[in-house]
Amino acid sequence: MLPIIFLLYSANKKNISGLLTASIMVLVGVFVMRFDFLVVGEIYPMFSPMGKDALVLVPSFFPVLMEIFVIAGIFGLLFFTYTLGVQFLPIEEELP
């Protein structure tokens, strides 16, 4: 919702930094949603309704080095593709 509200202002629609900000907000939102599903999926099977002792059963998660490299590679591919698009695709406006 926040990127849509951000783009409702006409100044942000035509400004490249406004579009970039909205795009980054979308990517962060998708990442947080997927991460939330991952953490909730790991916590549920070990959850116990034992009151204060239930906190002991909550597992912790930290990605291993290979997962961090995969995420870095995905972002690297994203920026590389963007750079190729800027370099080879026509981005100038044609005047009528």
PDB file of N, CA and C in Angstrom:
ATOM      1  N   MET A   1       0.812  -1.192   0.000  1.00  0.00           N
ATOM      2  CA  MET A   1       0.000   0.000   0.000  1.00  0.00           C
ATOM      3  C   MET A   1       0.858   1.259   0.000  1.00  0.00           C
ATOM      4  N   LEU A   2       1.938   1.230   0.734  1.00  0.00           N
ATOM      5  CA  LEU A   2       2.762   2.433   0.855  1.00  0.00           C
ATOM      6  C   LEU A   2       3.343   2.893  -0.479  1.00  0.00           C
ATOM      7  N   PRO A   3       3.864   2.002  -1.343  1.00  0.00           N
ATOM      8  CA  PRO A   3       4.348   2.487  -2.641  1.00  0.00           C
ATOM      9  C   PRO A   3       3.246   3.092  -3.505  1.00  0.00           C
ATOM     10  N   ILE A   4       2.036   2.542  -3.434  1.00  0.00           N
ATOM     11  CA  ILE A   4       0.932   3.106  -4.213  1.00  0.00           C
ATOM     12  C   ILE A   4       0.591   4.499  -3.718  1.00  0.00           C
ATOM     13  N   ILE A   5       0.521   4.664  -2.405  1.00  0.00           N
ATOM     14  CA  ILE A   5       0.253   5.985  -1.837  1.00  0.00           C
ATOM     15  C   ILE A   5       1.376   6.943  -2.197  1.00  0.00           C
ATOM     16  N   PHE A   6       2.601   6.449  -2.175  1.00  0.00           N
ATOM     17  CA  PHE A   6       3.757   7.276  -2.524  1.00  0.00           C
ATOM     18  C   PHE A   6       3.674   7.748  -3.972  1.00  0.00           C
ATOM     19  N   LEU A   7       3.186   6.893  -4.866  1.00  0.00           N
ATOM     20  CA  LEU A   7       3.106   7.238  -6.290  1.00  0.00           C
ATOM     21  C   LEU A   7       1.846   8.017  -6.656  1.00  0.00           C
ATOM     22  N   LEU A   8       0.931   8.211  -5.719  1.00  0.00           N
ATOM     23  CA  LEU A   8      -0.256   9.008  -6.013  1.00  0.00           C
ATOM     24  C   LEU A   8       0.087  10.475  -6.268  1.00  0.00           C
ATOM     25  N   TYR A   9       1.155  10.942  -5.671  1.00  0.00           N
ATOM     26  CA  TYR A   9       1.576  12.321  -5.903  1.00  0.00           C
ATOM     27  C   TYR A   9       2.227  12.405  -7.276  1.00  0.00           C
ATOM     28  N   SER A  10       1.793  13.354  -8.077  1.00  0.00           N
ATOM     29  CA  SER A  10       2.271  13.432  -9.462  1.00  0.00           C
ATOM     30  C   SER A  10       3.762  13.737  -9.545  1.00  0.00           C
ATOM     31  N   ALA A  11       4.318  14.388  -8.529  1.00  0.00           N
ATOM     32  CA  ALA A  11       5.758  14.682  -8.557  1.00  0.00           C
ATOM     33  C   ALA A  11       6.578  13.397  -8.488  1.00  0.00           C
ATOM     34  N   ASN A  12       6.091  12.395  -7.780  1.00  0.00           N
ATOM     35  CA  ASN A  12       6.831  11.139  -7.645  1.00  0.00           C
ATOM     36  C   ASN A  12       6.687  10.244  -8.872  1.00  0.00           C
ATOM     37  N   LYS A  13       5.618  10.404  -9.643  1.00  0.00           N
ATOM     38  CA  LYS A  13       5.412   9.569 -10.828  1.00  0.00           C
ATOM     39  C   LYS A  13       6.426   9.868 -11.922  1.00  0.00           C
ATOM     40  N   LYS A  14       6.809  11.123 -12.043  1.00  0.00           N
ATOM     41  CA  LYS A  14       7.681  11.532 -13.142  1.00  0.00           C
ATOM     42  C   LYS A  14       9.134  11.680 -12.726  1.00  0.00           C
ATOM     43  N   ASN A  15       9.405  11.535 -11.454  1.00  0.00           N
ATOM     44  CA  ASN A  15      10.758  11.681 -10.937  1.00  0.00           C
ATOM     45  C   ASN A  15      11.388  10.292 -10.821  1.00  0.00           C
ATOM     46  N   ILE A  16      12.578  10.123 -11.374  1.00  0.00           N
ATOM     47  CA  ILE A  16      13.228   8.807 -11.356  1.00  0.00           C
ATOM     48  C   ILE A  16      13.553   8.363  -9.932  1.00  0.00           C
ATOM     49  N   SER A  17      13.907   9.298  -9.058  1.00  0.00           N
ATOM     50  CA  SER A  17      14.198   8.905  -7.676  1.00  0.00           C
ATOM     51  C   SER A  17      12.921   8.490  -6.948  1.00  0.00           C
ATOM     52  N   GLY A  18      11.791   9.090  -7.287  1.00  0.00           N
ATOM     53  CA  GLY A  18      10.521   8.673  -6.700  1.00  0.00           C
ATOM     54  C   GLY A  18      10.132   7.273  -7.123  1.00  0.00           C
ATOM     55  N   LEU A  19      10.322   6.975  -8.409  1.00  0.00           N
ATOM     56  CA  LEU A  19      10.031   5.625  -8.902  1.00  0.00           C
ATOM     57  C   LEU A  19      10.980   4.595  -8.299  1.00  0.00           C
ATOM     58  N   LEU A  20      12.245   4.965  -8.157  1.00  0.00           N
ATOM     59  CA  LEU A  20      13.220   4.059  -7.555  1.00  0.00           C
ATOM     60  C   LEU A  20      12.867   3.782  -6.097  1.00  0.00           C
ATOM     61  N   THR A  21      12.454   4.821  -5.375  1.00  0.00           N
ATOM     62  CA  THR A  21      12.071   4.646  -3.977  1.00  0.00           C
ATOM     63  C   THR A  21      10.864   3.715  -3.858  1.00  0.00           C
ATOM     64  N   ALA A  22       9.869   3.906  -4.705  1.00  0.00           N
ATOM     65  CA  ALA A  22       8.688   3.035  -4.671  1.00  0.00           C
ATOM     66  C   ALA A  22       9.063   1.597  -5.024  1.00  0.00           C
ATOM     67  N   SER A  23       9.955   1.418  -5.983  1.00  0.00           N
ATOM     68  CA  SER A  23      10.386   0.070  -6.368  1.00  0.00           C
ATOM     69  C   SER A  23      11.126  -0.623  -5.233  1.00  0.00           C
ATOM     70  N   ILE A  24      11.982   0.111  -4.551  1.00  0.00           N
ATOM     71  CA  ILE A  24      12.714  -0.464  -3.420  1.00  0.00           C
ATOM     72  C   ILE A  24      11.751  -0.827  -2.297  1.00  0.00           C
ATOM     73  N   MET A  25      10.725   0.002  -2.078  1.00  0.00           N
ATOM     74  CA  MET A  25       9.734  -0.327  -1.055  1.00  0.00           C
ATOM     75  C   MET A  25       9.003  -1.629  -1.397  1.00  0.00           C
ATOM     76  N   VAL A  26       8.703  -1.846  -2.673  1.00  0.00           N
ATOM     77  CA  VAL A  26       8.042  -3.084  -3.089  1.00  0.00           C
ATOM     78  C   VAL A  26       8.959  -4.278  -2.836  1.00  0.00           C
ATOM     79  N   LEU A  27      10.236  -4.165  -3.217  1.00  0.00           N
ATOM     80  CA  LEU A  27      11.176  -5.271  -3.013  1.00  0.00           C
ATOM     81  C   LEU A  27      11.361  -5.591  -1.531  1.00  0.00           C
ATOM     82  N   VAL A  28      11.472  -4.568  -0.702  1.00  0.00           N
ATOM     83  CA  VAL A  28      11.622  -4.790   0.741  1.00  0.00           C
ATOM     84  C   VAL A  28      10.359  -5.446   1.299  1.00  0.00           C
ATOM     85  N   GLY A  29       9.196  -5.019   0.835  1.00  0.00           N
ATOM     86  CA  GLY A  29       7.944  -5.618   1.291  1.00  0.00           C
ATOM     87  C   GLY A  29       7.839  -7.094   0.944  1.00  0.00           C
ATOM     88  N   VAL A  30       8.233  -7.453  -0.264  1.00  0.00           N
ATOM     89  CA  VAL A  30       8.205  -8.862  -0.675  1.00  0.00           C
ATOM     90  C   VAL A  30       9.185  -9.675   0.162  1.00  0.00           C
ATOM     91  N   PHE A  31      10.378  -9.129   0.410  1.00  0.00           N
ATOM     92  CA  PHE A  31      11.371  -9.835   1.219  1.00  0.00           C
ATOM     93  C   PHE A  31      10.862 -10.050   2.643  1.00  0.00           C
ATOM     94  N   VAL A  32      10.277  -9.017   3.249  1.00  0.00           N
ATOM     95  CA  VAL A  32       9.777  -9.136   4.623  1.00  0.00           C
ATOM     96  C   VAL A  32       8.633 -10.147   4.686  1.00  0.00           C
ATOM     97  N   MET A  33       7.755 -10.151   3.679  1.00  0.00           N
ATOM     98  CA  MET A  33       6.651 -11.110   3.660  1.00  0.00           C
ATOM     99  C   MET A  33       7.186 -12.543   3.596  1.00  0.00           C
ATOM    100  N   ARG A  34       8.135 -12.789   2.726  1.00  0.00           N
ATOM    101  CA  ARG A  34       8.693 -14.143   2.595  1.00  0.00           C
ATOM    102  C   ARG A  34       9.448 -14.546   3.862  1.00  0.00           C
ATOM    103  N   PHE A  35      10.191 -13.618   4.440  1.00  0.00           N
ATOM    104  CA  PHE A  35      10.926 -13.919   5.663  1.00  0.00           C
ATOM    105  C   PHE A  35       9.959 -14.220   6.803  1.00  0.00           C
ATOM    106  N   ASP A  36       8.846 -13.481   6.862  1.00  0.00           N
ATOM    107  CA  ASP A  36       7.850 -13.714   7.903  1.00  0.00           C
ATOM    108  C   ASP A  36       7.251 -15.111   7.768  1.00  0.00           C
ATOM    109  N   PHE A  37       6.944 -15.537   6.546  1.00  0.00           N
ATOM    110  CA  PHE A  37       6.422 -16.891   6.354  1.00  0.00           C
ATOM    111  C   PHE A  37       7.434 -17.940   6.787  1.00  0.00           C
ATOM    112  N   LEU A  38       8.697 -17.706   6.533  1.00  0.00           N
ATOM    113  CA  LEU A  38       9.738 -18.651   6.901  1.00  0.00           C
ATOM    114  C   LEU A  38       9.836 -18.793   8.413  1.00  0.00           C
ATOM    115  N   VAL A  39       9.881 -17.682   9.122  1.00  0.00           N
ATOM    116  CA  VAL A  39      10.036 -17.718  10.577  1.00  0.00           C
ATOM    117  C   VAL A  39       8.805 -18.328  11.233  1.00  0.00           C
ATOM    118  N   VAL A  40       7.616 -17.938  10.799  1.00  0.00           N
ATOM    119  CA  VAL A  40       6.394 -18.491  11.386  1.00  0.00           C
ATOM    120  C   VAL A  40       6.298 -19.987  11.111  1.00  0.00           C
ATOM    121  N   GLY A  41       6.710 -20.414   9.942  1.00  0.00           N
ATOM    122  CA  GLY A  41       6.687 -21.839   9.623  1.00  0.00           C
ATOM    123  C   GLY A  41       7.625 -22.656  10.488  1.00  0.00           C
ATOM    124  N   GLU A  42       8.710 -22.069  10.928  1.00  0.00           N
ATOM    125  CA  GLU A  42       9.638 -22.797  11.798  1.00  0.00           C
ATOM    126  C   GLU A  42       9.199 -22.775  13.253  1.00  0.00           C
ATOM    127  N   ILE A  43       8.521 -21.735  13.678  1.00  0.00           N
ATOM    128  CA  ILE A  43       8.143 -21.612  15.085  1.00  0.00           C
ATOM    129  C   ILE A  43       6.933 -22.482  15.415  1.00  0.00           C
ATOM    130  N   TYR A  44       5.968 -22.583  14.530  1.00  0.00           N
ATOM    131  CA  TYR A  44       4.702 -23.242  14.845  1.00  0.00           C
ATOM    132  C   TYR A  44       4.842 -24.685  15.333  1.00  0.00           C
ATOM    133  N   PRO A  45       5.606 -25.555  14.671  1.00  0.00           N
ATOM    134  CA  PRO A  45       5.653 -26.942  15.155  1.00  0.00           C
ATOM    135  C   PRO A  45       6.260 -27.086  16.550  1.00  0.00           C
ATOM    136  N   MET A  46       7.093 -26.154  16.971  1.00  0.00           N
ATOM    137  CA  MET A  46       7.738 -26.271  18.271  1.00  0.00           C
ATOM    138  C   MET A  46       7.024 -25.461  19.345  1.00  0.00           C
ATOM    139  N   PHE A  47       5.945 -24.769  19.001  1.00  0.00           N
ATOM    140  CA  PHE A  47       5.255 -23.936  19.981  1.00  0.00           C
ATOM    141  C   PHE A  47       4.477 -24.808  20.951  1.00  0.00           C
ATOM    142  N   SER A  48       4.587 -24.466  22.216  1.00  0.00           N
ATOM    143  CA  SER A  48       3.900 -25.229  23.248  1.00  0.00           C
ATOM    144  C   SER A  48       3.161 -24.262  24.164  1.00  0.00           C
ATOM    145  N   PRO A  49       1.913 -24.540  24.510  1.00  0.00           N
ATOM    146  CA  PRO A  49       1.161 -23.633  25.382  1.00  0.00           C
ATOM    147  C   PRO A  49       1.489 -23.845  26.854  1.00  0.00           C
ATOM    148  N   MET A  50       2.764 -23.793  27.220  1.00  0.00           N
ATOM    149  CA  MET A  50       3.171 -24.033  28.600  1.00  0.00           C
ATOM    150  C   MET A  50       3.491 -22.739  29.336  1.00  0.00           C
ATOM    151  N   GLY A  51       3.017 -21.619  28.849  1.00  0.00           N
ATOM    152  CA  GLY A  51       3.255 -20.364  29.542  1.00  0.00           C
ATOM    153  C   GLY A  51       4.659 -19.847  29.315  1.00  0.00           C
ATOM    154  N   LYS A  52       5.356 -19.564  30.424  1.00  0.00           N
ATOM    155  CA  LYS A  52       6.683 -18.955  30.306  1.00  0.00           C
ATOM    156  C   LYS A  52       7.732 -19.919  29.747  1.00  0.00           C
ATOM    157  N   ASP A  53       7.524 -21.234  29.868  1.00  0.00           N
ATOM    158  CA  ASP A  53       8.484 -22.199  29.330  1.00  0.00           C
ATOM    159  C   ASP A  53       8.424 -22.290  27.808  1.00  0.00           C
ATOM    160  N   ALA A  54       7.380 -21.733  27.203  1.00  0.00           N
ATOM    161  CA  ALA A  54       7.236 -21.803  25.748  1.00  0.00           C
ATOM    162  C   ALA A  54       8.325 -21.000  25.048  1.00  0.00           C
ATOM    163  N   LEU A  55       8.871 -19.982  25.695  1.00  0.00           N
ATOM    164  CA  LEU A  55       9.919 -19.175  25.071  1.00  0.00           C
ATOM    165  C   LEU A  55      11.191 -19.977  24.847  1.00  0.00           C
ATOM    166  N   VAL A  56      11.406 -21.014  25.638  1.00  0.00           N
ATOM    167  CA  VAL A  56      12.589 -21.847  25.479  1.00  0.00           C
ATOM    168  C   VAL A  56      12.500 -22.661  24.186  1.00  0.00           C
ATOM    169  N   LEU A  57      11.293 -22.996  23.766  1.00  0.00           N
ATOM    170  CA  LEU A  57      11.103 -23.842  22.600  1.00  0.00           C
ATOM    171  C   LEU A  57      11.156 -23.087  21.270  1.00  0.00           C
ATOM    172  N   VAL A  58      11.189 -21.761  21.302  1.00  0.00           N
ATOM    173  CA  VAL A  58      11.186 -20.982  20.065  1.00  0.00           C
ATOM    174  C   VAL A  58      12.560 -21.069  19.412  1.00  0.00           C
ATOM    175  N   PRO A  59      12.629 -21.601  18.198  1.00  0.00           N
ATOM    176  CA  PRO A  59      13.939 -21.727  17.537  1.00  0.00           C
ATOM    177  C   PRO A  59      14.412 -20.388  16.990  1.00  0.00           C
ATOM    178  N   SER A  60      15.691 -20.282  16.812  1.00  0.00           N
ATOM    179  CA  SER A  60      16.243 -19.081  16.184  1.00  0.00           C
ATOM    180  C   SER A  60      16.697 -19.456  14.778  1.00  0.00           C
ATOM    181  N   PHE A  61      16.731 -18.461  13.912  1.00  0.00           N
ATOM    182  CA  PHE A  61      17.124 -18.708  12.529  1.00  0.00           C
ATOM    183  C   PHE A  61      18.116 -17.646  12.102  1.00  0.00           C
ATOM    184  N   PHE A  62      19.192 -18.080  11.496  1.00  0.00           N
ATOM    185  CA  PHE A  62      20.129 -17.175  10.840  1.00  0.00           C
ATOM    186  C   PHE A  62      20.581 -17.869   9.564  1.00  0.00           C
ATOM    187  N   PRO A  63      20.523 -17.174   8.429  1.00  0.00           N
ATOM    188  CA  PRO A  63      20.888 -17.839   7.174  1.00  0.00           C
ATOM    189  C   PRO A  63      22.360 -18.236   7.157  1.00  0.00           C
ATOM    190  N   VAL A  64      22.630 -19.376   6.531  1.00  0.00           N
ATOM    191  CA  VAL A  64      24.011 -19.823   6.395  1.00  0.00           C
ATOM    192  C   VAL A  64      24.693 -18.985   5.322  1.00  0.00           C
ATOM    193  N   LEU A  65      26.002 -19.129   5.221  1.00  0.00           N
ATOM    194  CA  LEU A  65      26.787 -18.306   4.306  1.00  0.00           C
ATOM    195  C   LEU A  65      26.347 -18.492   2.855  1.00  0.00           C
ATOM    196  N   MET A  66      26.004 -19.707   2.460  1.00  0.00           N
ATOM    197  CA  MET A  66      25.574 -19.955   1.084  1.00  0.00           C
ATOM    198  C   MET A  66      24.283 -19.207   0.763  1.00  0.00           C
ATOM    199  N   GLU A  67      23.340 -19.155   1.706  1.00  0.00           N
ATOM    200  CA  GLU A  67      22.098 -18.414   1.481  1.00  0.00           C
ATOM    201  C   GLU A  67      22.363 -16.923   1.329  1.00  0.00           C
ATOM    202  N   ILE A  68      23.286 -16.403   2.094  1.00  0.00           N
ATOM    203  CA  ILE A  68      23.654 -14.986   1.974  1.00  0.00           C
ATOM    204  C   ILE A  68      24.278 -14.724   0.613  1.00  0.00           C
ATOM    205  N   PHE A  69      25.116 -15.642   0.135  1.00  0.00           N
ATOM    206  CA  PHE A  69      25.716 -15.487  -1.194  1.00  0.00           C
ATOM    207  C   PHE A  69      24.658 -15.548  -2.297  1.00  0.00           C
ATOM    208  N   VAL A  70      23.663 -16.418  -2.140  1.00  0.00           N
ATOM    209  CA  VAL A  70      22.598 -16.507  -3.142  1.00  0.00           C
ATOM    210  C   VAL A  70      21.815 -15.197  -3.199  1.00  0.00           C
ATOM    211  N   ILE A  71      21.484 -14.638  -2.051  1.00  0.00           N
ATOM    212  CA  ILE A  71      20.764 -13.361  -2.017  1.00  0.00           C
ATOM    213  C   ILE A  71      21.612 -12.254  -2.627  1.00  0.00           C
ATOM    214  N   ALA A  72      22.898 -12.220  -2.293  1.00  0.00           N
ATOM    215  CA  ALA A  72      23.787 -11.212  -2.880  1.00  0.00           C
ATOM    216  C   ALA A  72      23.891 -11.396  -4.389  1.00  0.00           C
ATOM    217  N   GLY A  73      23.924 -12.644  -4.855  1.00  0.00           N
ATOM    218  CA  GLY A  73      23.971 -12.907  -6.292  1.00  0.00           C
ATOM    219  C   GLY A  73      22.701 -12.468  -7.005  1.00  0.00           C
ATOM    220  N   ILE A  74      21.554 -12.656  -6.365  1.00  0.00           N
ATOM    221  CA  ILE A  74      20.292 -12.219  -6.960  1.00  0.00           C
ATOM    222  C   ILE A  74      20.267 -10.702  -7.100  1.00  0.00           C
ATOM    223  N   PHE A  75      20.680  -9.993  -6.057  1.00  0.00           N
ATOM    224  CA  PHE A  75      20.725  -8.534  -6.149  1.00  0.00           C
ATOM    225  C   PHE A  75      21.778  -8.079  -7.154  1.00  0.00           C
ATOM    226  N   GLY A  76      22.905  -8.778  -7.229  1.00  0.00           N
ATOM    227  CA  GLY A  76      23.921  -8.442  -8.224  1.00  0.00           C
ATOM    228  C   GLY A  76      23.400  -8.622  -9.637  1.00  0.00           C
ATOM    229  N   LEU A  77      22.662  -9.711  -9.877  1.00  0.00           N
ATOM    230  CA  LEU A  77      22.059  -9.932 -11.192  1.00  0.00           C
ATOM    231  C   LEU A  77      21.017  -8.863 -11.506  1.00  0.00           C
ATOM    232  N   LEU A  78      20.269  -8.453 -10.505  1.00  0.00           N
ATOM    233  CA  LEU A  78      19.285  -7.393 -10.686  1.00  0.00           C
ATOM    234  C   LEU A  78      19.949  -6.094 -11.121  1.00  0.00           C
ATOM    235  N   PHE A  79      21.003  -5.684 -10.418  1.00  0.00           N
ATOM    236  CA  PHE A  79      21.694  -4.442 -10.765  1.00  0.00           C
ATOM    237  C   PHE A  79      22.421  -4.554 -12.102  1.00  0.00           C
ATOM    238  N   PHE A  80      22.950  -5.736 -12.421  1.00  0.00           N
ATOM    239  CA  PHE A  80      23.609  -5.940 -13.711  1.00  0.00           C
ATOM    240  C   PHE A  80      22.604  -5.815 -14.857  1.00  0.00           C
ATOM    241  N   THR A  81      21.428  -6.425 -14.685  1.00  0.00           N
ATOM    242  CA  THR A  81      20.384  -6.328 -15.704  1.00  0.00           C
ATOM    243  C   THR A  81      19.919  -4.888 -15.873  1.00  0.00           C
ATOM    244  N   TYR A  82      19.777  -4.183 -14.779  1.00  0.00           N
ATOM    245  CA  TYR A  82      19.393  -2.771 -14.849  1.00  0.00           C
ATOM    246  C   TYR A  82      20.447  -1.962 -15.599  1.00  0.00           C
ATOM    247  N   THR A  83      21.720  -2.215 -15.308  1.00  0.00           N
ATOM    248  CA  THR A  83      22.806  -1.499 -15.984  1.00  0.00           C
ATOM    249  C   THR A  83      22.799  -1.787 -17.484  1.00  0.00           C
ATOM    250  N   LEU A  84      22.578  -3.037 -17.862  1.00  0.00           N
ATOM    251  CA  LEU A  84      22.489  -3.367 -19.287  1.00  0.00           C
ATOM    252  C   LEU A  84      21.308  -2.661 -19.946  1.00  0.00           C
ATOM    253  N   GLY A  85      20.194  -2.596 -19.252  1.00  0.00           N
ATOM    254  CA  GLY A  85      19.027  -1.912 -19.794  1.00  0.00           C
ATOM    255  C   GLY A  85      19.268  -0.435 -19.997  1.00  0.00           C
ATOM    256  N   VAL A  86      19.922   0.199 -19.046  1.00  0.00           N
ATOM    257  CA  VAL A  86      20.227   1.625 -19.174  1.00  0.00           C
ATOM    258  C   VAL A  86      21.216   1.862 -20.305  1.00  0.00           C
ATOM    259  N   GLN A  87      22.152   0.963 -20.469  1.00  0.00           N
ATOM    260  CA  GLN A  87      23.196   1.155 -21.470  1.00  0.00           C
ATOM    261  C   GLN A  87      22.699   0.893 -22.891  1.00  0.00           C
ATOM    262  N   PHE A  88      21.873  -0.114 -23.095  1.00  0.00           N
ATOM    263  CA  PHE A  88      21.520  -0.523 -24.449  1.00  0.00           C
ATOM    264  C   PHE A  88      20.106  -0.164 -24.896  1.00  0.00           C
ATOM    265  N   LEU A  89      19.195   0.108 -23.987  1.00  0.00           N
ATOM    266  CA  LEU A  89      17.830   0.440 -24.387  1.00  0.00           C
ATOM    267  C   LEU A  89      17.666   1.949 -24.508  1.00  0.00           C
ATOM    268  N   PRO A  90      16.898   2.414 -25.477  1.00  0.00           N
ATOM    269  CA  PRO A  90      16.694   3.858 -25.614  1.00  0.00           C
ATOM    270  C   PRO A  90      15.794   4.374 -24.493  1.00  0.00           C
ATOM    271  N   ILE A  91      16.290   5.325 -23.722  1.00  0.00           N
ATOM    272  CA  ILE A  91      15.506   5.870 -22.623  1.00  0.00           C
ATOM    273  C   ILE A  91      15.187   7.345 -22.827  1.00  0.00           C
ATOM    274  N   GLU A  92      15.540   7.880 -23.982  1.00  0.00           N
ATOM    275  CA  GLU A  92      15.256   9.280 -24.262  1.00  0.00           C
ATOM    276  C   GLU A  92      13.834   9.422 -24.772  1.00  0.00           C
ATOM    277  N   GLU A  93      13.202  10.528 -24.407  1.00  0.00           N
ATOM    278  CA  GLU A  93      11.856  10.800 -24.888  1.00  0.00           C
ATOM    279  C   GLU A  93      11.907  11.318 -26.306  1.00  0.00           C
ATOM    280  N   GLU A  94      10.988  10.831 -27.129  1.00  0.00           N
ATOM    281  CA  GLU A  94      10.885  11.346 -28.485  1.00  0.00           C
ATOM    282  C   GLU A  94       9.906  12.504 -28.484  1.00  0.00           C
ATOM    283  N   LEU A  95      10.321  13.623 -29.010  1.00  0.00           N
ATOM    284  CA  LEU A  95       9.453  14.788 -29.069  1.00  0.00           C
ATOM    285  C   LEU A  95       8.507  14.669 -30.257  1.00  0.00           C
ATOM    286  N   PRO A  96       7.251  15.104 -30.096  1.00  0.00           N
ATOM    287  CA  PRO A  96       6.285  14.977 -31.204  1.00  0.00           C
ATOM    288  C   PRO A  96       6.581  15.921 -32.352  1.00  0.00           C
TER     289      PRO A  96
END
